[in-house]
């Protein structure tokens, strides 16, 4: 297939999309950025861009697609690539893979877990190709989250793990959670959620199992439904932990993981450097150096749990 025919085919494939119908061509001096991510990740990135002088509607056009449905990522990635943005920012391994399959030339700024293991980049120091960004080492912290939850809740067996097996980092984290649970002699009950419609039966299964604790493994789908998961855990008086601080802020018990807002603010500087001419292949992939512990004290009280002084001192944020 010749290049012109290929471009015509891609354009025809997405012509009926409501997203594409609203797209506008950037005026001279304007930049276009594609985002394949959920809303909670967009806001800190756009805030960082505004600090650098990029104002949406002024010198910046934003094209957004969600990343919570794995079965739509290929379509959404193709739509973004067809719009010919100057940079595409992606949240998560699957979203990054989808865009990489759609383009080898448009720069990609990703935030994803273990990008070397998942073959997103050649190495952290020299990523190569058209992708750079930020690595999350969250799967390696699975044992730490169980330990933190145990410090508050005490007995955790059986322990439910809510996870999306279709998400590559979640699969790594699940194996590490299994190992950590085995070392602590905890019975582990895995409950799978691949799509939004899976939450209702998953919650029924958890309620029937009557577990002592809940660990949620990071995935875009879990990020989207954080408030719903937090509300469910509270209704069962179930001690729970997640990677993202948005979980305890929505009523979950606690979280431990990197500061995502800071990471996405930092990602804005990578977008800026690429727009100014730097190549993704030459920008090292950065890793988080700080991990935040967030505890919702109101939820702890509602669960009848006392928070040890050692955790109160260690917490980066407490919600009262």
Protein backbone atom coordinates (compact mmCIF):
# COMPACT_ATOMS: atom_id res chain seq x y z
CA UNK A 1 0.00 0.00 0.00
CA UNK A 2 1.37 3.41 -0.98
CA UNK A 3 1.75 6.10 1.67
CA UNK A 4 -0.98 8.35 0.17
CA UNK A 5 -3.42 5.44 0.10
CA UNK A 6 -2.57 4.56 3.69
CA UNK A 7 -3.21 8.11 4.91
CA UNK A 8 -6.53 8.17 3.03
CA UNK A 9 -7.51 4.88 4.65
CA UNK A 10 -6.71 6.10 8.16
CA UNK A 11 -8.57 9.35 7.57
CA UNK A 12 -11.62 7.47 6.28
CA UNK A 13 -11.58 5.13 9.28
CA UNK A 14 -12.02 7.95 11.76
CA UNK A 15 -14.11 10.42 9.76
CA UNK A 16 -17.28 9.53 11.63
CA UNK A 17 -15.78 10.10 15.07
CA UNK A 18 -17.34 12.95 17.08
CA UNK A 19 -13.87 13.70 18.46
CA UNK A 20 -12.42 14.23 15.00
CA UNK A 21 -15.42 16.23 13.83
CA UNK A 22 -14.65 18.87 16.47
CA UNK A 23 -10.94 19.05 15.68
CA UNK A 24 -9.57 22.32 14.35
CA UNK A 25 -6.35 22.95 12.51
CA UNK A 26 -3.91 24.95 14.63
CA UNK A 27 -3.21 28.45 13.41
CA UNK A 28 0.38 29.47 12.69
CA UNK A 29 2.32 29.63 15.93
CA UNK A 30 0.02 27.16 17.70
CA UNK A 31 0.93 23.71 18.94
CA UNK A 32 -1.30 20.65 18.98
CA UNK A 33 -0.94 18.02 21.70
CA UNK A 34 -2.74 14.67 21.89
CA UNK A 35 -3.63 13.18 25.28
CA UNK A 36 -4.50 9.51 25.78
CA UNK A 37 -5.38 9.52 29.48
CA UNK A 38 -8.10 9.99 32.08
CA UNK A 39 -9.15 13.41 33.36
CA UNK A 40 -7.31 13.14 36.68
CA UNK A 41 -4.00 13.00 34.79
CA UNK A 42 -4.86 15.78 32.33
CA UNK A 43 -5.28 18.56 34.88
CA UNK A 44 -1.76 18.53 36.42
CA UNK A 45 -0.18 18.18 32.97
CA UNK A 46 -2.10 21.17 31.60
CA UNK A 47 -1.28 23.14 34.75
CA UNK A 48 2.39 22.46 34.15
CA UNK A 49 2.07 23.53 30.52
CA UNK A 50 0.36 26.78 31.52
CA UNK A 51 3.30 27.58 33.80
CA UNK A 52 5.54 27.18 30.75
CA UNK A 53 3.43 29.57 28.65
CA UNK A 54 1.22 27.12 26.76
CA UNK A 55 -2.38 28.33 26.98
CA UNK A 56 -5.18 26.19 25.59
CA UNK A 57 -7.18 28.15 23.02
CA UNK A 58 -4.34 30.63 22.62
CA UNK A 59 -1.14 28.95 21.45
CA UNK A 60 -2.20 25.38 22.24
CA UNK A 61 -4.83 22.95 20.93
CA UNK A 62 -5.58 19.83 22.97
CA UNK A 63 -7.01 16.59 21.55
CA UNK A 64 -8.14 14.13 24.24
CA UNK A 65 -9.08 10.44 24.25
CA UNK A 66 -9.74 8.33 27.37
CA UNK A 67 -7.52 5.37 28.24
CA UNK A 68 -9.75 3.30 30.55
CA UNK A 69 -10.94 0.83 27.88
CA UNK A 70 -8.25 -1.43 26.50
CA UNK A 71 -10.48 -2.52 23.60
CA UNK A 72 -10.68 1.10 22.33
CA UNK A 73 -7.05 2.15 22.72
CA UNK A 74 -6.00 1.17 19.20
CA UNK A 75 -8.88 3.18 17.72
CA UNK A 76 -8.21 6.22 19.91
CA UNK A 77 -4.47 6.09 19.22
CA UNK A 78 -5.16 6.01 15.46
CA UNK A 79 -7.49 9.00 15.80
CA UNK A 80 -4.88 11.04 17.65
CA UNK A 81 -2.13 10.15 15.18
CA UNK A 82 -4.38 11.06 12.24
CA UNK A 83 -4.71 14.57 13.71
CA UNK A 84 -0.92 14.98 13.38
CA UNK A 85 -0.20 16.45 16.83
CA UNK A 86 3.26 17.73 17.69
CA UNK A 87 3.41 15.50 20.79
CA UNK A 88 1.22 12.77 22.29
CA UNK A 89 1.17 12.26 26.07
CA UNK A 90 0.08 8.85 27.34
CA UNK A 91 -0.89 7.49 30.75
CA UNK A 92 -0.18 3.81 31.29
CA UNK A 93 1.58 0.98 29.50
CA UNK A 94 -1.30 -0.07 27.26
CA UNK A 95 -2.00 3.47 26.09
CA UNK A 96 1.68 3.96 25.27
CA UNK A 97 1.85 0.67 23.39
CA UNK A 98 -1.21 1.62 21.32
CA UNK A 99 0.30 4.94 20.25
CA UNK A 100 3.67 3.34 19.53
CA UNK A 101 1.93 0.92 17.19
CA UNK A 102 0.22 3.83 15.43
CA UNK A 103 3.29 6.04 14.90
CA UNK A 104 7.05 5.77 14.84
CA UNK A 105 7.61 9.49 14.23
CA UNK A 106 5.32 11.58 16.46
CA UNK A 107 7.04 12.14 19.85
CA UNK A 108 5.45 10.38 22.82
CA UNK A 109 5.76 11.48 26.46
CA UNK A 110 4.59 8.62 28.66
CA UNK A 111 4.03 7.91 32.33
CA UNK A 112 4.09 4.13 32.68
CA UNK A 113 5.25 1.32 34.93
CA UNK A 114 8.54 -0.41 34.11
CA UNK A 115 8.89 0.85 30.50
CA UNK A 116 12.03 -1.21 29.89
CA UNK A 117 10.46 -4.51 31.02
CA UNK A 118 7.39 -3.72 28.91
CA UNK A 119 9.57 -2.83 25.87
CA UNK A 120 8.39 0.76 25.63
CA UNK A 121 11.98 2.07 25.60
CA UNK A 122 15.39 0.52 25.06
CA UNK A 123 16.73 1.77 28.40
CA UNK A 124 16.03 4.50 30.93
CA UNK A 125 19.21 6.41 30.10
CA UNK A 126 18.87 6.07 26.32
CA UNK A 127 15.24 5.42 25.46
CA UNK A 128 15.74 5.51 21.69
CA UNK A 129 12.86 5.73 19.23
CA UNK A 130 10.11 8.32 19.62
CA UNK A 131 9.19 7.68 23.28
CA UNK A 132 10.44 9.07 26.58
CA UNK A 133 8.90 10.18 29.85
CA UNK A 134 8.55 8.78 33.34
CA UNK A 135 8.80 5.32 34.84
CA UNK A 136 6.65 4.30 37.78
CA UNK A 137 8.14 1.68 40.06
CA UNK A 138 4.79 1.03 41.71
CA UNK A 139 4.67 -2.76 41.16
CA UNK A 140 7.79 -3.17 43.32
CA UNK A 141 5.94 -1.51 46.21
CA UNK A 142 3.25 -4.19 46.49
CA UNK A 143 4.77 -5.73 49.61
CA UNK A 144 5.12 -2.31 51.25
CA UNK A 145 1.41 -1.58 50.75
CA UNK A 146 0.42 -4.84 52.45
CA UNK A 147 2.75 -3.99 55.33
CA UNK A 148 1.24 -0.52 55.72
CA UNK A 149 -2.31 -1.87 55.64
CA UNK A 150 -1.35 -4.52 58.18
CA UNK A 151 0.04 -1.85 60.51
CA UNK A 152 -3.40 -0.26 60.73
CA UNK A 153 -5.79 -3.18 60.26
CA UNK A 154 -3.86 -6.00 61.94
CA UNK A 155 -5.24 -9.31 60.68
CA UNK A 156 -5.65 -9.21 56.87
CA UNK A 157 -6.35 -12.82 55.94
CA UNK A 158 -8.18 -13.35 53.70
CA UNK A 159 -6.92 -10.39 51.66
CA UNK A 160 -8.71 -9.44 48.44
CA UNK A 161 -6.74 -8.11 45.48
CA UNK A 162 -8.84 -6.14 42.99
CA UNK A 163 -6.99 -6.00 39.69
CA UNK A 164 -7.18 -5.84 35.90
CA UNK A 165 -5.24 -8.81 34.45
CA UNK A 166 -5.25 -7.17 30.99
CA UNK A 167 -3.00 -4.37 32.27
CA UNK A 168 0.71 -5.42 32.04
CA UNK A 169 1.94 -3.53 35.13
CA UNK A 170 -0.97 -4.92 37.15
CA UNK A 171 0.10 -8.43 36.16
CA UNK A 172 3.60 -7.72 37.48
CA UNK A 173 2.19 -6.19 40.67
CA UNK A 174 -0.12 -9.16 41.16
CA UNK A 175 2.79 -11.60 41.10
CA UNK A 176 4.66 -9.48 43.63
CA UNK A 177 1.55 -9.20 45.80
CA UNK A 178 1.22 -12.98 45.72
CA UNK A 179 4.84 -13.36 46.83
CA UNK A 180 4.45 -10.81 49.63
CA UNK A 181 1.22 -12.43 50.84
CA UNK A 182 2.80 -15.87 50.84
CA UNK A 183 5.72 -14.57 52.89
CA UNK A 184 3.25 -13.17 55.44
CA UNK A 185 1.11 -16.35 55.38
CA UNK A 186 -1.94 -14.48 54.12
CA UNK A 187 -4.73 -16.08 52.14
CA UNK A 188 -5.06 -14.11 48.89
CA UNK A 189 -8.35 -13.81 46.97
CA UNK A 190 -7.89 -12.29 43.49
CA UNK A 191 -10.93 -10.55 41.99
CA UNK A 192 -10.68 -9.46 38.34
CA UNK A 193 -12.14 -6.30 36.81
CA UNK A 194 -11.48 -5.73 33.10
CA UNK A 195 -14.38 -3.40 32.22
CA UNK A 196 -16.67 -1.00 34.06
CA UNK A 197 -19.47 -3.58 33.98
CA UNK A 198 -17.32 -5.99 35.97
CA UNK A 199 -17.42 -3.90 39.15
CA UNK A 200 -20.90 -4.95 40.28
CA UNK A 201 -20.23 -8.72 40.19
CA UNK A 202 -16.74 -8.12 41.62
CA UNK A 203 -18.22 -6.26 44.58
CA UNK A 204 -20.73 -9.07 45.12
CA UNK A 205 -17.92 -11.61 45.17
CA UNK A 206 -15.90 -9.53 47.65
CA UNK A 207 -18.89 -9.08 49.97
CA UNK A 208 -19.55 -12.83 49.90
CA UNK A 209 -15.91 -13.63 50.72
CA UNK A 210 -15.94 -11.40 53.84
CA UNK A 211 -12.25 -10.48 53.60
CA UNK A 212 -10.23 -8.59 56.21
CA UNK A 213 -8.52 -6.23 53.75
CA UNK A 214 -8.52 -4.93 50.18
CA UNK A 215 -5.57 -4.07 47.96
CA UNK A 216 -6.33 -2.38 44.63
CA UNK A 217 -3.67 -2.75 41.93
CA UNK A 218 -3.01 0.27 39.76
CA UNK A 219 -4.64 0.47 36.32
CA UNK A 220 -6.39 3.23 34.33
CA UNK A 221 -9.77 1.59 34.95
CA UNK A 222 -9.18 1.67 38.71
CA UNK A 223 -8.18 5.34 38.52
CA UNK A 224 -11.43 6.22 36.79
CA UNK A 225 -13.57 4.38 39.36
CA UNK A 226 -11.62 5.32 42.49
CA UNK A 227 -14.64 7.01 44.21
CA UNK A 228 -16.85 3.99 43.54
CA UNK A 229 -14.28 1.56 44.95
CA UNK A 230 -13.70 3.75 47.99
CA UNK A 231 -17.44 3.99 48.68
CA UNK A 232 -17.81 0.22 48.39
CA UNK A 233 -14.89 -0.49 50.73
CA UNK A 234 -16.32 1.89 53.31
CA UNK A 235 -19.76 0.30 53.06
CA UNK A 236 -18.21 -3.06 53.97
CA UNK A 237 -15.99 -1.49 56.64
CA UNK A 238 -13.10 -2.93 54.68
CA UNK A 239 -9.57 -1.55 55.23
CA UNK A 240 -8.17 -0.70 51.80
CA UNK A 241 -5.09 0.70 50.09
CA UNK A 242 -4.24 1.96 46.59
CA UNK A 243 -1.31 3.59 44.84
CA UNK A 244 -2.91 7.01 44.24
CA UNK A 245 -3.73 9.69 46.83
CA UNK A 246 -7.04 10.32 45.07
CA UNK A 247 -8.27 7.09 46.72
CA UNK A 248 -8.14 8.19 50.38
CA UNK A 249 -9.30 11.65 49.33
CA UNK A 250 -12.41 9.93 47.92
CA UNK A 251 -13.00 8.01 51.18
CA UNK A 252 -10.65 5.05 50.92
CA UNK A 253 -8.46 4.29 53.91
CA UNK A 254 -4.97 4.93 52.58
CA UNK A 255 -2.57 5.07 49.64
CA UNK A 256 1.14 4.71 49.07
CA UNK A 257 2.82 5.60 45.83
CA UNK A 258 4.44 8.35 43.77
CA UNK A 259 3.01 11.86 43.67
CA UNK A 260 1.22 11.69 40.31
CA UNK A 261 0.44 15.40 40.19
CA UNK A 262 4.14 16.22 40.52
CA UNK A 263 5.06 13.64 37.89
CA UNK A 264 2.59 15.05 35.38
CA UNK A 265 3.74 18.58 36.14
CA UNK A 266 7.25 17.38 35.39
CA UNK A 267 6.02 15.68 32.20
CA UNK A 268 4.98 19.13 30.97
CA UNK A 269 8.67 20.11 30.90
CA UNK A 270 9.38 17.15 28.61
CA UNK A 271 6.59 18.23 26.28
CA UNK A 272 8.07 21.72 26.28
CA UNK A 273 11.58 20.49 25.49
CA UNK A 274 10.30 18.37 22.62
CA UNK A 275 8.28 21.26 21.18
CA UNK A 276 11.48 23.31 21.30
CA UNK A 277 13.33 20.75 19.22
CA UNK A 278 14.79 18.08 21.51
CA UNK A 279 14.41 14.43 20.49
CA UNK A 280 12.68 11.88 22.75
CA UNK A 281 15.50 9.43 22.08
CA UNK A 282 17.91 11.81 23.84
CA UNK A 283 15.75 12.55 26.90
CA UNK A 284 16.37 10.01 29.71
CA UNK A 285 13.35 8.37 31.28
CA UNK A 286 13.01 9.69 34.83
CA UNK A 287 11.94 7.73 37.91
CA UNK A 288 10.14 8.96 41.03
CA UNK A 289 12.36 9.64 44.01
CA UNK A 290 9.62 10.24 46.57
CA UNK A 291 6.61 8.15 47.56
CA UNK A 292 3.69 9.61 49.48
CA UNK A 293 1.69 7.98 52.25
CA UNK A 294 -1.84 9.40 52.51
CA UNK A 295 -4.22 8.31 55.29
CA UNK A 296 -7.88 9.20 55.68
CA UNK A 297 -8.35 9.49 59.45
CA UNK A 298 -12.12 9.93 59.11
CA UNK A 299 -12.31 6.59 57.31
CA UNK A 300 -10.06 4.95 59.89
CA UNK A 301 -12.41 6.16 62.64
CA UNK A 302 -15.46 4.91 60.72
CA UNK A 303 -13.79 1.51 60.44
CA UNK A 304 -13.01 1.49 64.14
CA UNK A 305 -9.26 1.47 63.50
CA UNK A 306 -6.56 3.31 65.36
CA UNK A 307 -3.66 4.72 63.35
CA UNK A 308 -0.27 4.03 64.96
CA UNK A 309 1.75 7.11 65.86
CA UNK A 310 4.57 5.86 63.64
CA UNK A 311 2.30 6.04 60.59
CA UNK A 312 0.94 9.45 61.55
CA UNK A 313 4.50 10.75 61.71
CA UNK A 314 5.42 9.08 58.41
CA UNK A 315 2.30 10.24 56.55
CA UNK A 316 2.75 12.94 53.93
CA UNK A 317 -0.95 13.82 54.15
CA UNK A 318 -3.71 13.03 56.59
CA UNK A 319 -7.38 13.66 55.90
CA UNK A 320 -9.42 14.59 58.98
